[in-house]
Amino acid sequence: MPILSVTVSQEHGTVVLRPSGEVDHESAPVLTGAVREAEGDWQELMVDLSRVSFMDSAGLHALVALERRCREQGGHLALTGVRGQPARLLDLVGLTEVFTITG
């Protein structure tokens, strides 16, 4: 059973999610639920995927759900640390054209 942990921090008005492990159908709710830990009124969200070793379609759905939530609040989602299998998956389905990807 894959394990996913997510640390949540706030840096300069941006909520930063740092998942570590695999984001699949069992663990994707952990990622989407992590934003509930963020305190205060925030609009900017950064998801650091540098420690994600695997992502499937449920992981993609979780990222899209987070992006939609940000947009509904008038905010913005960005991804960082995108490499390896998650990078190939995002590119394959065309989400590299949808998400802001930094570093």
Protein backbone atom coordinates (compact mmCIF):
# COMPACT_ATOMS: atom_id res chain seq x y z
CA MET A 1 0.00 0.00 0.00
CA PRO A 2 1.55 3.32 -1.08
CA ILE A 3 2.15 5.89 1.60
CA LEU A 4 1.89 9.61 1.05
CA SER A 5 2.72 12.29 3.55
CA VAL A 6 2.19 15.98 2.95
CA THR A 7 3.77 18.83 4.84
CA VAL A 8 2.01 22.17 4.76
CA SER A 9 3.66 25.52 5.29
CA GLN A 10 2.97 29.15 4.52
CA GLU A 11 5.68 31.21 2.93
CA HIS A 12 5.21 34.86 1.95
CA GLY A 13 1.42 34.51 1.68
CA THR A 14 1.60 31.29 -0.31
CA VAL A 15 0.50 27.91 1.00
CA VAL A 16 3.12 25.30 0.10
CA LEU A 17 2.22 21.61 -0.06
CA ARG A 18 5.14 19.17 -0.11
CA PRO A 19 3.86 15.66 -0.78
CA SER A 20 6.30 12.80 -0.37
CA GLY A 21 5.67 9.33 -1.78
CA GLU A 22 3.16 8.11 -4.34
CA VAL A 23 -0.02 9.94 -5.36
CA ASP A 24 -2.53 7.33 -6.50
CA HIS A 25 -6.20 6.45 -6.03
CA GLU A 26 -5.63 5.58 -2.37
CA SER A 27 -3.50 8.55 -1.41
CA ALA A 28 -4.83 11.39 -3.59
CA PRO A 29 -7.37 12.43 -0.91
CA VAL A 30 -4.44 13.04 1.45
CA LEU A 31 -3.07 15.61 -1.00
CA THR A 32 -6.37 17.40 -1.59
CA GLY A 33 -7.19 17.33 2.11
CA ALA A 34 -3.86 18.87 3.10
CA VAL A 35 -5.01 22.39 2.20
CA ARG A 36 -7.43 22.21 5.13
CA GLU A 37 -4.39 22.57 7.39
CA ALA A 38 -3.59 25.97 5.92
CA GLU A 39 -4.59 28.79 8.22
CA GLY A 40 -5.95 32.17 7.34
CA ASP A 41 -7.15 33.63 4.06
CA TRP A 42 -4.92 32.44 1.25
CA GLN A 43 -5.20 32.35 -2.52
CA GLU A 44 -1.78 31.27 -3.76
CA LEU A 45 -0.87 27.59 -3.62
CA MET A 46 2.44 25.95 -4.52
CA VAL A 47 2.69 22.16 -4.79
CA ASP A 48 6.27 20.89 -4.62
CA LEU A 49 6.37 17.52 -6.41
CA SER A 50 10.12 16.98 -5.97
CA ARG A 51 9.54 14.10 -3.53
CA VAL A 52 6.74 12.40 -5.49
CA SER A 53 8.02 9.19 -7.05
CA PHE A 54 4.80 8.13 -8.79
CA MET A 55 1.52 9.70 -9.83
CA ASP A 56 -1.48 8.20 -11.60
CA SER A 57 -4.71 9.67 -12.97
CA ALA A 58 -6.07 10.13 -9.45
CA GLY A 59 -3.05 12.29 -8.68
CA LEU A 60 -3.74 14.36 -11.78
CA HIS A 61 -7.35 14.71 -10.69
CA ALA A 62 -6.19 15.90 -7.25
CA LEU A 63 -3.99 18.59 -8.83
CA VAL A 64 -6.85 19.73 -11.07
CA ALA A 65 -9.17 19.87 -8.04
CA LEU A 66 -6.64 21.99 -6.13
CA GLU A 67 -6.24 24.30 -9.13
CA ARG A 68 -10.02 24.68 -9.42
CA ARG A 69 -10.30 25.50 -5.72
CA CYS A 70 -7.64 28.19 -6.06
CA ARG A 71 -9.29 29.66 -9.14
CA GLU A 72 -12.69 29.76 -7.40
CA GLN A 73 -11.06 31.79 -4.61
CA GLY A 74 -9.52 34.15 -7.15
CA GLY A 75 -6.11 32.60 -6.64
CA HIS A 76 -3.46 30.66 -8.46
CA LEU A 77 -1.79 27.26 -8.25
CA ALA A 78 1.79 26.56 -9.33
CA LEU A 79 3.82 23.37 -9.40
CA THR A 80 7.50 23.09 -8.64
CA GLY A 81 9.98 20.22 -8.50
CA VAL A 82 8.25 18.48 -11.40
CA ARG A 83 10.46 15.68 -12.70
CA GLY A 84 10.61 11.95 -13.36
CA GLN A 85 7.41 9.97 -13.86
CA PRO A 86 5.07 12.75 -12.65
CA ALA A 87 6.65 15.14 -15.20
CA ARG A 88 6.19 12.62 -18.01
CA LEU A 89 2.55 12.04 -17.01
CA LEU A 90 1.74 15.77 -16.84
CA ASP A 91 3.35 16.25 -20.25
CA LEU A 92 1.60 13.22 -21.77
CA VAL A 93 -1.87 14.48 -20.87
CA GLY A 94 -1.11 18.10 -21.76
CA LEU A 95 -1.30 19.55 -18.26
CA THR A 96 2.11 21.19 -18.63
CA GLU A 97 0.20 23.69 -20.79
CA VAL A 98 -2.42 24.24 -18.08
CA PHE A 99 -0.38 24.51 -14.88
CA THR A 100 2.23 27.08 -14.06
CA ILE A 101 5.41 25.07 -13.55
CA THR A 102 8.44 26.64 -11.92
CA GLY A 103 11.87 25.28 -10.98
